[in-house]
Amino acid sequence: MANAFVNYKAVLTTSELTTLYTVGSETTAIVKSLRVSNTDEENDCKISIYLVDTSSVSYNLETNRKVQKGESEELLKSSQQTGGTAPVVFKESEVLKVQAENGGDLHVILSVMEIT
């Protein structure tokens, strides 16, 4: 088994549901961090995040999470007190999708450890 730390990035230019990451074949992915930045200095923007399994069932990880104007936020916090992250495990061929309330406001960076 090989482990590789990788990242995936996107500028959410529309308010459409966007595929950020698809787990490769014969791979398990441990999502370590999902960071979102709102580049709009005047307006807050909401983001929703979904895990889609191999049966095309969509599971909400976040629904309409508000990201303050001009701020960045870690979306996988384990708690407000500790500030640590809570990893999420994705299986082969599962998909992480994101959706911004407003196109052009949000940038996302996903950090993953892939195990093949």
N, C-alpha and C. Protein backbone atom coordinates (compact mmCIF):
# COMPACT_ATOMS: atom_id res chain seq x y z
N MET A 1 0.83 -1.18 0.00
CA MET A 1 0.00 0.00 0.00
C MET A 1 0.88 1.24 0.00
N ALA A 2 0.48 2.19 -0.84
CA ALA A 2 1.20 3.46 -0.91
C ALA A 2 0.28 4.58 -0.44
N ASN A 3 0.88 5.52 0.29
CA ASN A 3 0.14 6.69 0.76
C ASN A 3 0.67 7.93 0.04
N ALA A 4 -0.23 8.77 -0.41
CA ALA A 4 0.17 10.02 -1.06
C ALA A 4 -0.71 11.15 -0.53
N PHE A 5 -0.07 12.24 -0.14
CA PHE A 5 -0.80 13.43 0.28
C PHE A 5 -0.96 14.34 -0.94
N VAL A 6 -2.21 14.69 -1.25
CA VAL A 6 -2.49 15.51 -2.44
C VAL A 6 -3.53 16.57 -2.09
N ASN A 7 -3.65 17.56 -2.98
CA ASN A 7 -4.72 18.54 -2.79
C ASN A 7 -5.43 18.79 -4.11
N TYR A 8 -6.66 19.23 -4.00
CA TYR A 8 -7.50 19.55 -5.15
C TYR A 8 -8.11 20.91 -4.88
N LYS A 9 -8.16 21.74 -5.91
CA LYS A 9 -8.58 23.12 -5.74
C LYS A 9 -9.64 23.48 -6.77
N ALA A 10 -10.50 24.44 -6.42
CA ALA A 10 -11.49 24.94 -7.37
C ALA A 10 -11.90 26.35 -7.00
N VAL A 11 -12.14 27.15 -8.01
CA VAL A 11 -12.82 28.43 -7.87
C VAL A 11 -14.24 28.16 -8.33
N LEU A 12 -15.20 28.37 -7.44
CA LEU A 12 -16.59 28.06 -7.76
C LEU A 12 -17.18 29.24 -8.54
N THR A 13 -17.03 29.18 -9.85
CA THR A 13 -17.40 30.30 -10.72
C THR A 13 -18.90 30.39 -10.98
N THR A 14 -19.64 29.34 -10.64
CA THR A 14 -21.10 29.35 -10.80
C THR A 14 -21.74 28.88 -9.50
N SER A 15 -23.06 28.92 -9.47
CA SER A 15 -23.79 28.39 -8.32
C SER A 15 -24.25 26.95 -8.58
N GLU A 16 -23.73 26.34 -9.64
CA GLU A 16 -24.07 24.96 -9.98
C GLU A 16 -23.31 23.98 -9.08
N LEU A 17 -23.87 22.79 -8.90
CA LEU A 17 -23.20 21.73 -8.18
C LEU A 17 -21.94 21.35 -8.95
N THR A 18 -20.80 21.32 -8.26
CA THR A 18 -19.51 21.12 -8.91
C THR A 18 -18.78 19.93 -8.28
N THR A 19 -18.27 19.03 -9.12
CA THR A 19 -17.46 17.92 -8.63
C THR A 19 -16.07 18.45 -8.30
N LEU A 20 -15.67 18.31 -7.04
CA LEU A 20 -14.35 18.74 -6.61
C LEU A 20 -13.36 17.58 -6.65
N TYR A 21 -13.84 16.37 -6.33
CA TYR A 21 -12.91 15.24 -6.20
C TYR A 21 -13.66 13.93 -6.40
N THR A 22 -13.03 13.01 -7.13
CA THR A 22 -13.52 11.64 -7.29
C THR A 22 -12.41 10.70 -6.87
N VAL A 23 -12.70 9.79 -5.97
CA VAL A 23 -11.70 8.83 -5.50
C VAL A 23 -11.36 7.87 -6.64
N GLY A 24 -10.08 7.66 -6.86
CA GLY A 24 -9.63 6.78 -7.93
C GLY A 24 -9.89 5.31 -7.66
N SER A 25 -9.69 4.52 -8.70
CA SER A 25 -9.90 3.08 -8.56
C SER A 25 -8.86 2.48 -7.63
N GLU A 26 -9.28 1.49 -6.88
CA GLU A 26 -8.43 0.80 -5.90
C GLU A 26 -7.79 1.77 -4.92
N THR A 27 -8.55 2.78 -4.53
CA THR A 27 -8.04 3.83 -3.63
C THR A 27 -9.06 4.10 -2.53
N THR A 28 -8.54 4.34 -1.34
CA THR A 28 -9.32 4.88 -0.23
C THR A 28 -8.75 6.26 0.05
N ALA A 29 -9.62 7.22 0.30
CA ALA A 29 -9.17 8.59 0.54
C ALA A 29 -9.58 9.04 1.93
N ILE A 30 -8.64 9.62 2.64
CA ILE A 30 -8.94 10.23 3.93
C ILE A 30 -8.86 11.74 3.74
N VAL A 31 -10.01 12.38 3.78
CA VAL A 31 -10.08 13.82 3.61
C VAL A 31 -9.65 14.46 4.93
N LYS A 32 -8.54 15.16 4.89
CA LYS A 32 -7.96 15.76 6.09
C LYS A 32 -8.45 17.18 6.33
N SER A 33 -8.74 17.90 5.24
CA SER A 33 -9.09 19.31 5.38
C SER A 33 -9.90 19.74 4.17
N LEU A 34 -10.88 20.59 4.41
CA LEU A 34 -11.62 21.24 3.34
C LEU A 34 -11.75 22.71 3.73
N ARG A 35 -10.93 23.53 3.08
CA ARG A 35 -10.86 24.94 3.41
C ARG A 35 -11.57 25.75 2.34
N VAL A 36 -12.37 26.71 2.76
CA VAL A 36 -13.09 27.57 1.82
C VAL A 36 -12.78 29.02 2.15
N SER A 37 -12.59 29.82 1.11
CA SER A 37 -12.34 31.25 1.27
C SER A 37 -13.37 32.01 0.48
N ASN A 38 -13.94 33.03 1.11
CA ASN A 38 -14.88 33.92 0.44
C ASN A 38 -14.12 35.16 0.01
N THR A 39 -13.90 35.30 -1.29
CA THR A 39 -13.12 36.43 -1.80
C THR A 39 -13.94 37.69 -1.96
N ASP A 40 -15.24 37.59 -1.77
CA ASP A 40 -16.13 38.76 -1.85
C ASP A 40 -15.98 39.55 -0.54
N GLU A 41 -15.58 40.80 -0.65
CA GLU A 41 -15.36 41.65 0.53
C GLU A 41 -16.63 42.31 1.04
N GLU A 42 -17.74 42.14 0.30
CA GLU A 42 -18.97 42.84 0.68
C GLU A 42 -20.12 41.92 1.09
N ASN A 43 -20.08 40.66 0.67
CA ASN A 43 -21.22 39.77 0.92
C ASN A 43 -20.78 38.41 1.46
N ASP A 44 -21.54 37.90 2.41
CA ASP A 44 -21.35 36.53 2.87
C ASP A 44 -21.82 35.60 1.75
N CYS A 45 -21.38 34.35 1.79
CA CYS A 45 -21.79 33.37 0.78
C CYS A 45 -21.93 32.02 1.46
N LYS A 46 -22.95 31.27 1.09
CA LYS A 46 -23.17 29.94 1.66
C LYS A 46 -22.59 28.88 0.75
N ILE A 47 -22.17 27.76 1.38
CA ILE A 47 -21.65 26.62 0.64
C ILE A 47 -22.32 25.36 1.15
N SER A 48 -22.59 24.43 0.26
CA SER A 48 -23.10 23.11 0.61
C SER A 48 -22.13 22.07 0.06
N ILE A 49 -21.96 20.97 0.81
CA ILE A 49 -20.99 19.93 0.44
C ILE A 49 -21.68 18.57 0.53
N TYR A 50 -21.41 17.72 -0.46
CA TYR A 50 -22.07 16.42 -0.54
C TYR A 50 -21.06 15.32 -0.85
N LEU A 51 -21.27 14.17 -0.22
CA LEU A 51 -20.57 12.94 -0.58
C LEU A 51 -21.56 12.12 -1.38
N VAL A 52 -21.17 11.70 -2.59
CA VAL A 52 -22.02 10.87 -3.43
C VAL A 52 -21.39 9.49 -3.52
N ASP A 53 -22.15 8.46 -3.11
CA ASP A 53 -21.59 7.11 -3.11
C ASP A 53 -21.75 6.45 -4.48
N THR A 54 -21.29 5.22 -4.59
CA THR A 54 -21.29 4.52 -5.87
C THR A 54 -22.69 4.13 -6.35
N SER A 55 -23.68 4.27 -5.49
CA SER A 55 -25.08 4.04 -5.89
C SER A 55 -25.78 5.35 -6.23
N SER A 56 -25.00 6.43 -6.34
CA SER A 56 -25.49 7.77 -6.64
C SER A 56 -26.38 8.37 -5.55
N VAL A 57 -26.24 7.86 -4.33
CA VAL A 57 -26.94 8.44 -3.19
C VAL A 57 -26.08 9.60 -2.67
N SER A 58 -26.71 10.76 -2.48
CA SER A 58 -26.01 11.95 -2.04
C SER A 58 -26.23 12.17 -0.54
N TYR A 59 -25.13 12.35 0.20
CA TYR A 59 -25.17 12.59 1.64
C TYR A 59 -24.64 13.99 1.92
N ASN A 60 -25.40 14.77 2.67
CA ASN A 60 -24.99 16.13 2.99
C ASN A 60 -23.92 16.11 4.09
N LEU A 61 -22.80 16.75 3.79
CA LEU A 61 -21.78 16.97 4.81
C LEU A 61 -21.94 18.36 5.43
N GLU A 62 -22.38 19.30 4.62
CA GLU A 62 -22.69 20.67 5.06
C GLU A 62 -23.84 21.17 4.20
N THR A 63 -24.77 21.89 4.81
CA THR A 63 -25.86 22.48 4.07
C THR A 63 -25.94 23.97 4.37
N ASN A 64 -25.76 24.77 3.34
CA ASN A 64 -25.86 26.23 3.47
C ASN A 64 -25.02 26.80 4.60
N ARG A 65 -23.78 26.35 4.69
CA ARG A 65 -22.85 26.88 5.69
C ARG A 65 -22.39 28.27 5.26
N LYS A 66 -22.61 29.25 6.10
CA LYS A 66 -22.27 30.62 5.76
C LYS A 66 -20.77 30.86 5.95
N VAL A 67 -20.14 31.42 4.92
CA VAL A 67 -18.75 31.84 4.99
C VAL A 67 -18.77 33.37 4.95
N GLN A 68 -18.27 33.97 6.00
CA GLN A 68 -18.30 35.42 6.14
C GLN A 68 -17.52 36.10 5.02
N LYS A 69 -17.95 37.29 4.64
CA LYS A 69 -17.28 38.07 3.59
C LYS A 69 -15.81 38.26 3.93
N GLY A 70 -14.95 38.02 2.94
CA GLY A 70 -13.51 38.23 3.11
C GLY A 70 -12.84 37.29 4.09
N GLU A 71 -13.49 36.19 4.47
CA GLU A 71 -12.94 35.27 5.47
C GLU A 71 -12.67 33.89 4.87
N SER A 72 -11.86 33.11 5.56
CA SER A 72 -11.60 31.71 5.23
C SER A 72 -12.03 30.85 6.40
N GLU A 73 -12.41 29.61 6.09
CA GLU A 73 -12.91 28.74 7.14
C GLU A 73 -12.59 27.28 6.83
N GLU A 74 -12.24 26.54 7.87
CA GLU A 74 -12.08 25.09 7.77
C GLU A 74 -13.45 24.47 7.97
N LEU A 75 -13.91 23.66 7.02
CA LEU A 75 -15.26 23.12 7.09
C LEU A 75 -15.36 21.81 7.86
N LEU A 76 -14.26 21.15 8.14
CA LEU A 76 -14.30 19.86 8.83
C LEU A 76 -13.85 19.96 10.27
N LYS A 77 -14.20 21.05 10.94
CA LYS A 77 -13.82 21.21 12.35
C LYS A 77 -14.49 20.15 13.20
N SER A 78 -13.74 19.61 14.16
CA SER A 78 -14.33 18.63 15.06
C SER A 78 -15.16 19.31 16.14
N SER A 79 -14.77 20.53 16.53
CA SER A 79 -15.57 21.30 17.48
C SER A 79 -15.06 22.73 17.50
N GLN A 80 -15.87 23.62 18.01
CA GLN A 80 -15.46 25.02 18.13
C GLN A 80 -14.36 25.17 19.18
N GLN A 81 -14.39 24.33 20.22
CA GLN A 81 -13.43 24.45 21.31
C GLN A 81 -12.03 24.01 20.89
N THR A 82 -11.93 22.85 20.23
CA THR A 82 -10.61 22.32 19.91
C THR A 82 -10.05 22.88 18.62
N GLY A 83 -10.93 23.18 17.66
CA GLY A 83 -10.47 23.72 16.39
C GLY A 83 -9.79 22.69 15.50
N GLY A 84 -9.66 21.44 15.96
CA GLY A 84 -9.05 20.40 15.15
C GLY A 84 -9.98 19.95 14.04
N THR A 85 -9.44 19.15 13.13
CA THR A 85 -10.27 18.66 12.04
C THR A 85 -10.74 17.24 12.31
N ALA A 86 -11.86 16.90 11.69
CA ALA A 86 -12.44 15.56 11.81
C ALA A 86 -12.37 14.92 10.44
N PRO A 87 -11.41 14.03 10.19
CA PRO A 87 -11.26 13.43 8.87
C PRO A 87 -12.50 12.65 8.45
N VAL A 88 -12.71 12.59 7.13
CA VAL A 88 -13.81 11.83 6.55
C VAL A 88 -13.20 10.83 5.57
N VAL A 89 -13.63 9.57 5.64
CA VAL A 89 -13.10 8.52 4.77
C VAL A 89 -14.02 8.36 3.57
N PHE A 90 -13.43 8.35 2.38
CA PHE A 90 -14.14 8.12 1.13
C PHE A 90 -13.64 6.81 0.52
N LYS A 91 -14.56 6.02 -0.01
CA LYS A 91 -14.21 4.76 -0.66
C LYS A 91 -14.03 4.96 -2.16
N GLU A 92 -13.49 3.95 -2.79
CA GLU A 92 -13.26 3.95 -4.23
C GLU A 92 -14.49 4.46 -4.99
N SER A 93 -14.26 5.37 -5.91
CA SER A 93 -15.27 5.93 -6.83
C SER A 93 -16.29 6.86 -6.18
N GLU A 94 -16.17 7.13 -4.89
CA GLU A 94 -17.07 8.11 -4.28
C GLU A 94 -16.64 9.52 -4.69
N VAL A 95 -17.60 10.45 -4.64
CA VAL A 95 -17.38 11.79 -5.20
C VAL A 95 -17.70 12.84 -4.14
N LEU A 96 -16.89 13.89 -4.10
CA LEU A 96 -17.14 15.05 -3.25
C LEU A 96 -17.59 16.19 -4.16
N LYS A 97 -18.80 16.70 -3.89
CA LYS A 97 -19.35 17.80 -4.68
C LYS A 97 -19.59 19.00 -3.79
N VAL A 98 -19.44 20.18 -4.36
CA VAL A 98 -19.63 21.43 -3.63
C VAL A 98 -20.53 22.35 -4.44
N GLN A 99 -21.22 23.24 -3.72
CA GLN A 99 -22.10 24.19 -4.39
C GLN A 99 -22.09 25.51 -3.64
N ALA A 100 -21.80 26.57 -4.36
CA ALA A 100 -21.79 27.91 -3.78
C ALA A 100 -23.13 28.59 -4.02
N GLU A 101 -23.51 29.42 -3.07
CA GLU A 101 -24.72 30.21 -3.23
C GLU A 101 -24.57 31.21 -4.39
N ASN A 102 -23.38 31.82 -4.49
CA ASN A 102 -23.10 32.82 -5.53
C ASN A 102 -21.85 32.42 -6.30
N GLY A 103 -21.94 32.40 -7.61
CA GLY A 103 -20.78 32.09 -8.43
C GLY A 103 -19.72 33.18 -8.31
N GLY A 104 -18.46 32.75 -8.28
CA GLY A 104 -17.33 33.68 -8.25
C GLY A 104 -16.87 34.12 -6.88
N ASP A 105 -17.57 33.74 -5.83
CA ASP A 105 -17.21 34.20 -4.48
C ASP A 105 -16.26 33.26 -3.74
N LEU A 106 -16.39 31.95 -3.98
CA LEU A 106 -15.71 30.98 -3.12
C LEU A 106 -14.58 30.23 -3.84
N HIS A 107 -13.49 30.05 -3.09
CA HIS A 107 -12.38 29.19 -3.50
C HIS A 107 -12.31 28.06 -2.48
N VAL A 108 -12.11 26.82 -2.95
CA VAL A 108 -12.02 25.69 -2.03
C VAL A 108 -10.72 24.92 -2.28
N ILE A 109 -10.14 24.42 -1.19
CA ILE A 109 -8.95 23.57 -1.25
C ILE A 109 -9.20 22.35 -0.40
N LEU A 110 -9.07 21.19 -1.02
CA LEU A 110 -9.28 19.91 -0.37
C LEU A 110 -7.93 19.23 -0.18
N SER A 111 -7.61 18.81 1.04
CA SER A 111 -6.38 18.07 1.31
C SER A 111 -6.74 16.63 1.65
N VAL A 112 -6.10 15.69 0.95
CA VAL A 112 -6.48 14.28 1.03
C VAL A 112 -5.23 13.41 1.17
N MET A 113 -5.36 12.34 1.95
CA MET A 113 -4.36 11.28 1.91
C MET A 113 -4.99 10.12 1.15
N GLU A 114 -4.39 9.75 0.02
CA GLU A 114 -4.88 8.65 -0.79
C GLU A 114 -4.07 7.40 -0.49
N ILE A 115 -4.80 6.32 -0.25
CA ILE A 115 -4.17 5.02 0.05
C ILE A 115 -4.50 4.08 -1.09
N THR A 116 -3.46 3.63 -1.79
CA THR A 116 -3.68 2.73 -2.93
C THR A 116 -3.06 1.37 -2.66
